[in-house]
Amino acid sequence: MVRPSLRSTTHKRVKVRTPGGRLVLHVSSRKKDLPICSLCGKPLRGTAFGEIVKMRKHSLSSKRPNRYYGGVICHRCLAVLIKAEVRKLPFPHSYNITL
């Protein structure tokens, strides 16, 4: 019997035959969702995603971009936000964000 935490149906199960001839059950963890922009809702580029166990091995700089709002806002929304701040215009989206 597997651990109680692995008995959930959200985990993938794969039957694997070992070199000794036994049939064992491998249980994989869930994958993290693709990160999305908090303003426009499009997927963020340059961010790593996948299994949480494998994500721990990556450095912080490989998980998200090293810029303002990196990993939160996409580059297009950030460019519009910076231009609006420099030109002292209201941000086109309905969010009240200031730099």
Foldseek 3Di string as FASTA:
>chain_A
DDDPVQPDPVWDWDWDQDPVGDTDIDTADDWDDFQAAPFPGHGAPQADTTGPVVVVPDDPCSHWPPDVCTSHHHPVLVVQQVVCQVVVHARPTPDDDHD
